[in-house]
N, C-alpha and C. Protein backbone atom coordinates (compact mmCIF):
# COMPACT_ATOMS: atom_id res chain seq x y z
N UNK A 1 23.23 -5.03 2.24
CA UNK A 1 23.29 -6.46 2.66
C UNK A 1 23.49 -7.28 1.30
N UNK A 2 24.49 -8.22 1.30
CA UNK A 2 24.73 -9.00 0.16
C UNK A 2 23.68 -10.13 0.03
N UNK A 3 23.28 -10.80 -1.12
CA UNK A 3 22.32 -11.75 -1.32
C UNK A 3 22.76 -13.07 -0.60
N UNK A 4 24.01 -13.33 -0.37
CA UNK A 4 24.40 -14.50 0.45
C UNK A 4 24.04 -14.44 1.82
N UNK A 5 24.20 -13.22 2.29
CA UNK A 5 23.92 -13.10 3.74
C UNK A 5 22.37 -13.23 3.96
N UNK A 6 21.61 -12.69 3.00
CA UNK A 6 20.06 -12.97 3.22
C UNK A 6 19.81 -14.32 3.20
N UNK A 7 20.50 -15.07 2.38
CA UNK A 7 20.07 -16.64 2.41
C UNK A 7 20.38 -17.43 3.69
N UNK A 8 21.34 -16.78 4.32
CA UNK A 8 21.81 -17.41 5.67
C UNK A 8 21.16 -16.99 6.87
N UNK A 9 20.63 -15.71 6.69
CA UNK A 9 19.90 -15.05 7.87
C UNK A 9 18.24 -15.28 7.73
N UNK A 10 17.65 -15.04 8.85
CA UNK A 10 16.26 -15.12 8.99
C UNK A 10 15.75 -13.70 8.68
N UNK A 11 15.41 -13.43 7.39
CA UNK A 11 15.00 -12.11 6.88
C UNK A 11 13.61 -12.16 6.26
N UNK A 12 12.83 -11.23 6.53
CA UNK A 12 11.45 -11.16 5.78
C UNK A 12 11.62 -9.99 4.79
N UNK A 13 11.07 -10.38 3.52
CA UNK A 13 11.12 -9.32 2.51
C UNK A 13 9.77 -8.80 2.27
N UNK A 14 9.68 -7.38 2.47
CA UNK A 14 8.28 -6.78 2.18
C UNK A 14 8.43 -5.84 1.10
N UNK A 15 7.44 -5.65 0.28
CA UNK A 15 7.29 -4.46 -0.54
C UNK A 15 6.40 -3.33 -0.03
N UNK A 16 6.76 -2.13 -0.10
CA UNK A 16 6.09 -1.02 0.47
C UNK A 16 5.74 -0.05 -0.56
N UNK A 17 4.43 0.62 -0.23
CA UNK A 17 3.96 1.82 -1.21
C UNK A 17 2.89 2.52 -0.40
N UNK A 18 2.59 3.77 -0.71
CA UNK A 18 1.48 4.43 -0.35
C UNK A 18 0.39 4.71 -1.34
N UNK A 19 -0.71 4.52 -0.93
CA UNK A 19 -2.04 4.64 -1.89
C UNK A 19 -2.78 5.90 -1.33
N UNK A 20 -3.26 6.59 -2.13
CA UNK A 20 -4.15 7.88 -1.82
C UNK A 20 -5.58 7.51 -2.09
N UNK A 21 -6.48 7.86 -0.99
CA UNK A 21 -7.81 7.51 -1.03
C UNK A 21 -8.54 8.85 -0.69
N UNK A 22 -9.64 9.27 -1.36
CA UNK A 22 -10.30 10.52 -0.99
C UNK A 22 -11.73 10.62 -1.50
N UNK A 23 -12.22 11.72 -1.41
CA UNK A 23 -13.62 11.95 -1.71
C UNK A 23 -13.90 12.20 -3.14
N UNK A 24 -12.95 12.58 -3.97
CA UNK A 24 -13.02 12.75 -5.47
C UNK A 24 -13.46 11.43 -6.06
N UNK A 25 -14.67 11.41 -6.71
CA UNK A 25 -15.22 10.27 -7.32
C UNK A 25 -14.22 9.77 -8.47
N UNK A 26 -14.29 8.46 -8.70
CA UNK A 26 -13.76 7.82 -9.87
C UNK A 26 -14.62 7.04 -10.54
N UNK A 27 -14.56 6.94 -11.81
CA UNK A 27 -15.55 6.14 -12.65
C UNK A 27 -14.77 4.89 -13.25
N UNK A 28 -15.59 3.82 -13.36
CA UNK A 28 -15.06 2.59 -13.91
C UNK A 28 -16.09 2.05 -14.74
N UNK A 29 -16.00 1.10 -15.63
CA UNK A 29 -17.03 0.42 -16.33
C UNK A 29 -18.05 -0.17 -15.29
N UNK A 30 -19.18 -0.36 -15.97
CA UNK A 30 -20.39 -0.85 -15.11
C UNK A 30 -21.29 -1.56 -15.90
N UNK A 31 -21.90 -2.49 -15.60
CA UNK A 31 -22.79 -3.45 -16.35
C UNK A 31 -24.21 -2.65 -16.31
N UNK A 32 -24.82 -2.62 -17.45
CA UNK A 32 -26.10 -2.00 -17.53
C UNK A 32 -26.86 -2.72 -18.65
N UNK A 33 -28.32 -2.51 -18.55
CA UNK A 33 -29.08 -3.31 -19.34
C UNK A 33 -29.00 -2.52 -20.88
N UNK A 34 -28.88 -3.48 -21.93
CA UNK A 34 -28.81 -2.83 -23.34
C UNK A 34 -29.79 -1.86 -23.64
N UNK A 35 -29.46 -0.89 -24.06
CA UNK A 35 -30.38 0.27 -24.44
C UNK A 35 -30.79 1.20 -23.25
N UNK A 36 -30.43 0.89 -22.04
CA UNK A 36 -30.72 1.73 -20.86
C UNK A 36 -29.63 2.62 -20.63
N UNK A 37 -29.78 3.86 -20.56
CA UNK A 37 -28.57 4.82 -20.24
C UNK A 37 -28.09 4.46 -18.81
N UNK A 38 -26.77 4.53 -18.65
CA UNK A 38 -26.27 4.21 -17.52
C UNK A 38 -25.57 5.64 -16.90
N UNK A 39 -26.09 5.80 -15.79
CA UNK A 39 -25.62 7.08 -15.10
C UNK A 39 -25.13 6.70 -13.84
N UNK A 40 -23.90 7.43 -13.49
CA UNK A 40 -23.14 7.28 -12.00
C UNK A 40 -23.02 8.82 -11.56
N UNK A 41 -23.45 8.87 -10.25
CA UNK A 41 -23.26 10.15 -9.78
C UNK A 41 -21.83 10.36 -9.20
N UNK A 42 -21.27 11.55 -9.50
CA UNK A 42 -19.86 11.85 -9.02
C UNK A 42 -19.86 12.87 -7.98
N UNK A 43 -18.85 12.97 -7.28
CA UNK A 43 -18.66 13.92 -6.20
C UNK A 43 -17.31 14.67 -6.40
N UNK A 44 -17.29 15.87 -6.34
CA UNK A 44 -16.10 16.71 -6.35
C UNK A 44 -15.61 16.84 -4.98
N UNK A 45 -14.38 16.51 -4.74
CA UNK A 45 -13.84 16.70 -3.20
C UNK A 45 -12.44 16.35 -3.31
N UNK A 46 -11.68 17.08 -2.45
CA UNK A 46 -10.27 17.03 -2.58
C UNK A 46 -9.69 16.57 -1.29
N UNK A 47 -10.54 16.19 -0.30
CA UNK A 47 -9.92 15.67 1.03
C UNK A 47 -9.51 14.20 0.71
N UNK A 48 -8.27 13.89 1.29
CA UNK A 48 -7.86 12.59 1.12
C UNK A 48 -7.03 12.25 2.36
N UNK A 49 -6.57 10.94 2.25
CA UNK A 49 -5.74 10.39 3.24
C UNK A 49 -4.77 9.48 2.40
N UNK A 50 -3.73 8.80 3.19
CA UNK A 50 -2.85 7.79 2.52
C UNK A 50 -2.90 6.52 3.31
N UNK A 51 -2.78 5.43 2.66
CA UNK A 51 -2.60 4.16 3.24
C UNK A 51 -1.21 3.80 3.02
N UNK A 52 -0.36 3.51 3.97
CA UNK A 52 1.03 3.10 3.94
C UNK A 52 0.96 1.68 4.34
N UNK A 53 1.46 0.79 3.30
CA UNK A 53 1.26 -0.71 3.34
C UNK A 53 2.54 -1.32 2.89
N UNK A 54 2.83 -2.34 3.65
CA UNK A 54 4.02 -3.35 3.44
C UNK A 54 3.47 -4.63 3.07
N UNK A 55 3.69 -5.36 2.27
CA UNK A 55 3.26 -6.79 2.07
C UNK A 55 4.34 -7.74 1.60
N UNK A 56 4.37 -8.89 2.39
CA UNK A 56 5.30 -9.95 2.27
C UNK A 56 4.70 -10.78 1.25
N UNK A 57 5.11 -10.91 -0.11
CA UNK A 57 4.54 -11.68 -1.08
C UNK A 57 4.54 -13.10 -0.77
N UNK A 58 5.64 -13.68 -0.10
CA UNK A 58 5.67 -15.08 0.27
C UNK A 58 4.82 -15.52 1.25
N UNK A 59 4.59 -14.70 2.40
CA UNK A 59 3.86 -15.16 3.52
C UNK A 59 2.38 -14.55 3.32
N UNK A 60 2.18 -13.51 2.67
CA UNK A 60 0.79 -12.90 2.59
C UNK A 60 0.68 -11.93 3.78
N UNK A 61 1.72 -11.79 4.56
CA UNK A 61 1.48 -10.79 5.86
C UNK A 61 1.59 -9.42 5.33
N UNK A 62 0.91 -8.51 5.99
CA UNK A 62 0.97 -7.05 5.63
C UNK A 62 0.82 -6.23 6.90
N UNK A 63 1.40 -5.00 6.79
CA UNK A 63 1.34 -4.08 7.77
C UNK A 63 0.98 -2.71 7.19
N UNK A 64 -0.12 -2.16 7.72
CA UNK A 64 -0.78 -0.94 7.17
C UNK A 64 -1.04 -0.02 8.07
N UNK A 65 -0.92 1.52 7.77
CA UNK A 65 -1.21 2.58 8.58
C UNK A 65 -1.94 3.49 7.74
N UNK A 66 -2.97 4.20 8.37
CA UNK A 66 -3.60 5.23 7.62
C UNK A 66 -2.92 6.43 8.18
N UNK A 67 -2.41 7.48 7.30
CA UNK A 67 -1.67 8.56 7.51
C UNK A 67 -2.31 9.76 6.82
N UNK A 68 -2.13 11.02 7.33
CA UNK A 68 -2.78 12.22 6.53
C UNK A 68 -1.95 12.70 5.38
N UNK A 69 -0.61 12.38 5.35
CA UNK A 69 0.16 12.95 4.28
C UNK A 69 1.30 11.94 3.87
N UNK A 70 1.89 12.31 2.65
CA UNK A 70 3.16 11.62 2.33
C UNK A 70 4.17 12.75 2.33
N UNK A 71 5.14 12.31 3.40
CA UNK A 71 6.26 13.13 3.64
C UNK A 71 7.27 12.51 4.50
N UNK A 72 8.29 13.09 4.84
CA UNK A 72 9.44 12.29 5.66
C UNK A 72 8.74 12.00 7.04
N UNK A 73 8.15 13.03 7.62
CA UNK A 73 7.66 12.79 8.95
C UNK A 73 6.75 11.43 8.93
N UNK A 74 5.76 11.42 8.02
CA UNK A 74 4.87 10.38 8.14
C UNK A 74 5.60 9.02 7.75
N UNK A 75 6.55 9.06 6.88
CA UNK A 75 7.47 7.82 6.69
C UNK A 75 8.15 7.30 7.89
N UNK A 76 8.57 8.44 8.64
CA UNK A 76 9.29 8.02 9.92
C UNK A 76 8.29 7.34 10.84
N UNK A 77 7.10 7.92 11.00
CA UNK A 77 6.04 7.18 11.82
C UNK A 77 5.85 5.68 11.44
N UNK A 78 5.79 5.51 10.01
CA UNK A 78 5.45 4.21 9.47
C UNK A 78 6.72 3.41 9.81
N UNK A 79 7.82 3.78 9.56
CA UNK A 79 8.95 2.92 9.84
C UNK A 79 9.14 2.47 11.22
N UNK A 80 8.96 3.49 12.26
CA UNK A 80 8.90 3.26 13.64
C UNK A 80 7.84 2.17 14.05
N UNK A 81 6.62 2.21 13.60
CA UNK A 81 5.56 1.46 13.88
C UNK A 81 5.92 -0.04 13.39
N UNK A 82 6.39 -0.06 12.05
CA UNK A 82 6.63 -1.40 11.44
C UNK A 82 7.83 -1.89 12.30
N UNK A 83 8.78 -1.24 12.67
CA UNK A 83 9.74 -1.78 13.50
C UNK A 83 9.49 -2.46 14.85
N UNK A 84 8.49 -1.59 15.53
CA UNK A 84 8.06 -2.00 16.82
C UNK A 84 7.18 -3.39 16.61
N UNK A 85 6.34 -3.45 15.49
CA UNK A 85 5.51 -4.52 15.32
C UNK A 85 6.35 -5.72 14.80
N UNK A 86 7.52 -5.66 14.51
CA UNK A 86 8.42 -6.69 14.08
C UNK A 86 9.82 -6.83 14.89
N UNK A 87 9.58 -6.25 16.21
CA UNK A 87 10.74 -6.27 16.88
C UNK A 87 11.30 -7.76 17.05
N UNK A 88 12.70 -7.76 16.94
CA UNK A 88 13.41 -9.13 17.00
C UNK A 88 13.39 -9.75 15.54
N UNK A 89 12.90 -9.12 14.41
CA UNK A 89 12.84 -9.73 13.14
C UNK A 89 13.59 -8.69 12.25
N UNK A 90 14.40 -9.23 11.25
CA UNK A 90 15.02 -8.51 10.36
C UNK A 90 14.23 -8.23 9.13
N UNK A 91 13.85 -7.05 8.56
CA UNK A 91 12.99 -6.77 7.56
C UNK A 91 13.94 -6.15 6.41
N UNK A 92 13.77 -6.65 5.12
CA UNK A 92 14.09 -5.91 4.00
C UNK A 92 12.89 -5.15 3.48
N UNK A 93 12.92 -3.99 3.32
CA UNK A 93 11.69 -3.12 2.74
C UNK A 93 12.04 -2.67 1.40
N UNK A 94 11.28 -3.17 0.31
CA UNK A 94 11.58 -2.70 -1.14
C UNK A 94 10.57 -1.70 -1.53
N UNK A 95 11.07 -0.55 -1.97
CA UNK A 95 10.26 0.50 -2.33
C UNK A 95 10.52 1.49 -3.42
N UNK A 96 9.89 2.32 -3.85
CA UNK A 96 10.24 3.22 -4.98
C UNK A 96 11.27 4.26 -4.25
N UNK A 97 11.62 5.30 -5.25
CA UNK A 97 12.55 6.21 -4.74
C UNK A 97 11.95 7.56 -4.62
N UNK A 98 10.61 7.66 -4.01
CA UNK A 98 10.03 8.84 -3.59
C UNK A 98 11.08 9.70 -2.83
N UNK A 99 10.98 11.02 -2.86
CA UNK A 99 11.92 11.86 -2.17
C UNK A 99 11.91 11.66 -0.58
N UNK A 100 10.74 11.38 0.03
CA UNK A 100 10.64 11.23 1.48
C UNK A 100 11.07 9.83 1.82
N UNK A 101 11.26 8.98 0.94
CA UNK A 101 11.78 7.47 1.19
C UNK A 101 13.34 7.72 1.36
N UNK A 102 13.89 8.65 0.62
CA UNK A 102 15.43 8.73 0.66
C UNK A 102 15.85 10.10 1.38
N UNK A 103 15.09 10.60 2.12
CA UNK A 103 15.26 11.71 2.83
C UNK A 103 16.55 11.63 3.82
N UNK A 104 17.46 12.49 3.84
CA UNK A 104 18.70 12.36 4.64
C UNK A 104 18.30 12.51 6.17
N UNK A 105 17.14 12.98 6.64
CA UNK A 105 16.75 13.07 7.89
C UNK A 105 15.87 11.79 8.39
N UNK A 106 15.52 10.94 7.51
CA UNK A 106 14.93 9.75 7.84
C UNK A 106 15.77 8.81 8.60
N UNK A 107 15.39 8.32 9.83
CA UNK A 107 16.08 7.48 10.60
C UNK A 107 15.39 6.05 10.42
N UNK A 108 16.26 5.29 9.79
CA UNK A 108 15.73 3.90 9.52
C UNK A 108 16.06 3.00 10.81
N UNK A 109 15.09 2.31 11.37
CA UNK A 109 15.32 1.45 12.46
C UNK A 109 16.49 0.46 12.18
N UNK A 110 17.03 -0.16 13.20
CA UNK A 110 18.08 -1.04 12.99
C UNK A 110 17.66 -2.39 12.31
N UNK A 111 16.31 -2.86 12.72
CA UNK A 111 15.91 -4.13 12.19
C UNK A 111 15.37 -3.99 10.72
N UNK A 112 15.43 -2.87 10.09
CA UNK A 112 14.81 -2.69 8.71
C UNK A 112 16.00 -2.22 7.79
N UNK A 113 16.10 -2.85 6.71
CA UNK A 113 16.99 -2.29 5.69
C UNK A 113 16.07 -2.00 4.43
N UNK A 114 16.33 -0.87 3.93
CA UNK A 114 15.60 -0.38 2.75
C UNK A 114 16.37 -0.52 1.43
N UNK A 115 15.59 -1.32 0.49
CA UNK A 115 16.19 -1.32 -0.89
C UNK A 115 15.41 -0.68 -1.89
N UNK A 116 15.93 0.06 -2.84
CA UNK A 116 15.05 0.91 -3.72
C UNK A 116 14.93 0.21 -5.03
N UNK A 117 13.67 0.17 -5.61
CA UNK A 117 13.48 -0.21 -6.97
C UNK A 117 13.94 0.79 -7.95
N UNK A 118 14.27 0.28 -9.12
CA UNK A 118 14.89 1.32 -10.28
C UNK A 118 13.81 2.43 -10.41
N UNK A 119 14.38 3.63 -10.86
CA UNK A 119 13.37 4.69 -10.99
C UNK A 119 12.38 4.37 -11.99
N UNK A 120 11.14 4.92 -11.80
CA UNK A 120 9.92 4.79 -12.79
C UNK A 120 9.78 3.32 -13.18
N UNK A 121 9.49 2.71 -12.19
CA UNK A 121 9.28 1.09 -12.48
C UNK A 121 8.16 0.56 -11.47
N UNK A 122 7.07 1.33 -11.58
CA UNK A 122 5.80 0.86 -10.55
C UNK A 122 5.49 -0.59 -10.86
N UNK A 123 5.71 -1.12 -12.07
CA UNK A 123 5.12 -2.53 -12.29
C UNK A 123 6.06 -3.56 -11.58
N UNK A 124 7.22 -3.22 -10.95
CA UNK A 124 7.93 -4.17 -10.17
C UNK A 124 7.56 -4.19 -8.67
N UNK A 125 6.63 -3.29 -8.33
CA UNK A 125 6.00 -3.23 -6.92
C UNK A 125 4.66 -3.83 -6.97
N UNK A 126 4.67 -5.11 -6.22
CA UNK A 126 3.25 -5.76 -6.32
C UNK A 126 2.14 -5.04 -5.48
N UNK A 127 2.59 -4.28 -4.70
CA UNK A 127 1.54 -3.37 -3.82
C UNK A 127 0.63 -2.57 -4.74
N UNK A 128 1.33 -2.14 -5.83
CA UNK A 128 0.40 -1.29 -6.70
C UNK A 128 -0.77 -2.17 -7.24
N UNK A 129 -0.64 -3.54 -7.31
CA UNK A 129 -1.88 -4.32 -7.69
C UNK A 129 -2.84 -4.18 -6.54
N UNK A 130 -2.49 -4.13 -5.24
CA UNK A 130 -3.35 -3.94 -4.05
C UNK A 130 -4.15 -2.74 -4.23
N UNK A 131 -3.47 -1.67 -4.64
CA UNK A 131 -4.16 -0.43 -4.80
C UNK A 131 -5.29 -0.36 -5.88
N UNK A 132 -4.89 -1.02 -6.95
CA UNK A 132 -5.77 -1.15 -7.96
C UNK A 132 -7.02 -1.98 -7.56
N UNK A 133 -6.84 -3.04 -6.98
CA UNK A 133 -7.91 -3.89 -6.51
C UNK A 133 -8.71 -3.29 -5.37
N UNK A 134 -8.13 -2.59 -4.48
CA UNK A 134 -8.85 -1.92 -3.43
C UNK A 134 -9.75 -0.72 -4.00
N UNK A 135 -9.17 -0.07 -4.89
CA UNK A 135 -10.04 1.12 -5.55
C UNK A 135 -11.24 0.64 -6.30
N UNK A 136 -11.01 -0.52 -7.05
CA UNK A 136 -12.11 -1.12 -7.74
C UNK A 136 -13.13 -1.55 -6.80
N UNK A 137 -12.80 -2.18 -5.73
CA UNK A 137 -13.86 -2.76 -4.84
C UNK A 137 -14.55 -1.81 -4.00
N UNK A 138 -13.69 -0.62 -3.51
CA UNK A 138 -14.41 0.26 -2.53
C UNK A 138 -14.50 1.80 -3.07
N UNK A 139 -13.93 2.17 -4.15
CA UNK A 139 -14.11 3.51 -4.44
C UNK A 139 -14.80 3.82 -5.77
N UNK A 140 -14.37 2.99 -6.85
CA UNK A 140 -15.04 3.31 -8.19
C UNK A 140 -16.47 3.29 -8.06
N UNK A 141 -17.12 4.17 -8.84
CA UNK A 141 -18.47 4.30 -9.02
C UNK A 141 -19.40 4.50 -7.66
N UNK A 142 -18.72 4.98 -6.64
CA UNK A 142 -19.29 5.13 -5.29
C UNK A 142 -19.10 6.42 -4.82
N UNK A 143 -20.07 6.97 -4.01
CA UNK A 143 -19.95 8.32 -3.37
C UNK A 143 -19.96 8.07 -1.79
N UNK A 144 -19.04 8.49 -1.26
CA UNK A 144 -19.02 8.67 0.23
C UNK A 144 -19.44 10.01 0.75
N UNK A 145 -20.14 10.06 1.76
CA UNK A 145 -20.58 11.38 2.30
C UNK A 145 -19.42 12.05 3.05
N UNK A 146 -18.58 11.35 3.72
CA UNK A 146 -17.46 11.94 4.43
C UNK A 146 -16.20 11.09 4.31
N UNK A 147 -14.99 11.76 4.62
CA UNK A 147 -13.83 11.19 4.57
C UNK A 147 -13.70 9.89 5.61
N UNK A 148 -14.51 9.98 6.72
CA UNK A 148 -14.44 9.05 7.69
C UNK A 148 -15.20 7.80 7.08
N UNK A 149 -16.15 7.95 6.34
CA UNK A 149 -16.74 6.89 5.70
C UNK A 149 -15.87 6.01 4.74
N UNK A 150 -15.01 6.80 3.99
CA UNK A 150 -14.07 6.02 3.30
C UNK A 150 -13.01 5.47 3.95
N UNK A 151 -12.59 6.14 5.03
CA UNK A 151 -11.50 5.49 5.98
C UNK A 151 -12.06 4.15 6.55
N UNK A 152 -13.39 4.08 6.91
CA UNK A 152 -13.91 2.91 7.48
C UNK A 152 -13.95 1.76 6.57
N UNK A 153 -14.30 2.20 5.24
CA UNK A 153 -14.40 1.27 4.13
C UNK A 153 -12.96 0.64 4.03
N UNK A 154 -11.85 1.45 3.99
CA UNK A 154 -10.65 1.06 3.65
C UNK A 154 -10.21 0.27 4.85
N UNK A 155 -10.38 0.55 6.12
CA UNK A 155 -9.93 -0.16 7.26
C UNK A 155 -10.80 -1.59 7.17
N UNK A 156 -12.02 -1.55 6.89
CA UNK A 156 -12.76 -2.91 6.82
C UNK A 156 -12.01 -3.89 5.75
N UNK A 157 -11.69 -3.21 4.66
CA UNK A 157 -11.18 -3.97 3.50
C UNK A 157 -9.85 -4.61 3.94
N UNK A 158 -9.02 -3.82 4.69
CA UNK A 158 -7.66 -4.31 5.07
C UNK A 158 -7.87 -5.36 6.03
N UNK A 159 -8.61 -5.17 6.91
CA UNK A 159 -8.87 -6.18 8.20
C UNK A 159 -9.44 -7.44 7.55
N UNK A 160 -10.13 -7.44 6.51
CA UNK A 160 -10.83 -8.53 5.89
C UNK A 160 -9.95 -9.39 4.81
N UNK A 161 -8.85 -8.68 4.44
CA UNK A 161 -7.82 -9.38 3.56
C UNK A 161 -7.21 -10.52 4.18
N UNK A 162 -7.34 -11.66 3.52
CA UNK A 162 -6.58 -12.89 3.87
C UNK A 162 -5.26 -12.97 3.31
N UNK A 163 -4.40 -13.69 4.10
CA UNK A 163 -3.03 -13.95 3.64
C UNK A 163 -2.95 -14.57 2.23
N UNK A 164 -3.72 -15.64 2.03
CA UNK A 164 -3.71 -16.25 0.70
C UNK A 164 -4.09 -15.31 -0.48
N UNK A 165 -5.04 -14.33 -0.23
CA UNK A 165 -5.40 -13.31 -1.18
C UNK A 165 -4.19 -12.60 -1.41
N UNK A 166 -3.39 -11.91 -0.37
CA UNK A 166 -2.33 -11.24 -0.68
C UNK A 166 -1.20 -11.96 -1.26
N UNK A 167 -0.93 -13.28 -0.92
CA UNK A 167 0.01 -14.05 -1.57
C UNK A 167 -0.29 -14.19 -3.23
N UNK A 168 -1.39 -14.31 -3.48
CA UNK A 168 -1.84 -14.41 -4.84
C UNK A 168 -1.76 -13.09 -5.60
N UNK A 169 -2.29 -12.03 -4.97
CA UNK A 169 -2.33 -10.77 -5.61
C UNK A 169 -0.93 -10.17 -5.76
N UNK A 170 -0.16 -10.28 -4.78
CA UNK A 170 1.18 -9.68 -4.68
C UNK A 170 2.34 -10.51 -5.10
N UNK A 171 2.12 -11.80 -5.56
CA UNK A 171 3.10 -12.70 -5.94
C UNK A 171 4.12 -12.04 -6.94
N UNK A 172 5.30 -12.28 -7.01
CA UNK A 172 6.24 -11.93 -8.01
C UNK A 172 7.35 -12.90 -8.16
N UNK A 173 7.68 -13.21 -9.48
CA UNK A 173 8.69 -14.27 -9.82
C UNK A 173 9.96 -13.92 -9.48
N UNK A 174 10.13 -12.63 -9.38
CA UNK A 174 11.60 -12.16 -9.27
C UNK A 174 12.03 -12.14 -7.83
N UNK A 175 11.29 -12.63 -6.83
CA UNK A 175 11.54 -12.73 -5.54
C UNK A 175 12.04 -14.08 -5.10
């Protein structure tokens, strides 16, 4: 799709990425009283899930799904659900060039057009900032007993996100 066509059509531009969340503890800086040893419990665990998210930096709208893997089948599920949720609307979905994003068997719905970011340029995808913020807020320095507990925390965080928050966090001057 040419740029002049975008300017004349009603098109929503979303950035897309997947974020991994799991039981393996991650550590981050923590405030502690001077002279008092600071300890943080950690948990070893390799169960995880993925959050597939698209964010429109202009409107602050987002569409997220929790899925068990990153592969072509899960990407197809996401695209189909995004298309249904936005039936009647044209979407440009900007994403990185992961193999499952470019798979030849991936069927892109008619109302979605995919644009790829240059290779090895995560700094151009504002959804990366969302993952960093989410992990700081709900994962770092915390232990969850089960994967369901983490899923609940992630779902609650996503539900509580306001459009103004996403417009600020995911703003980008190049759009």
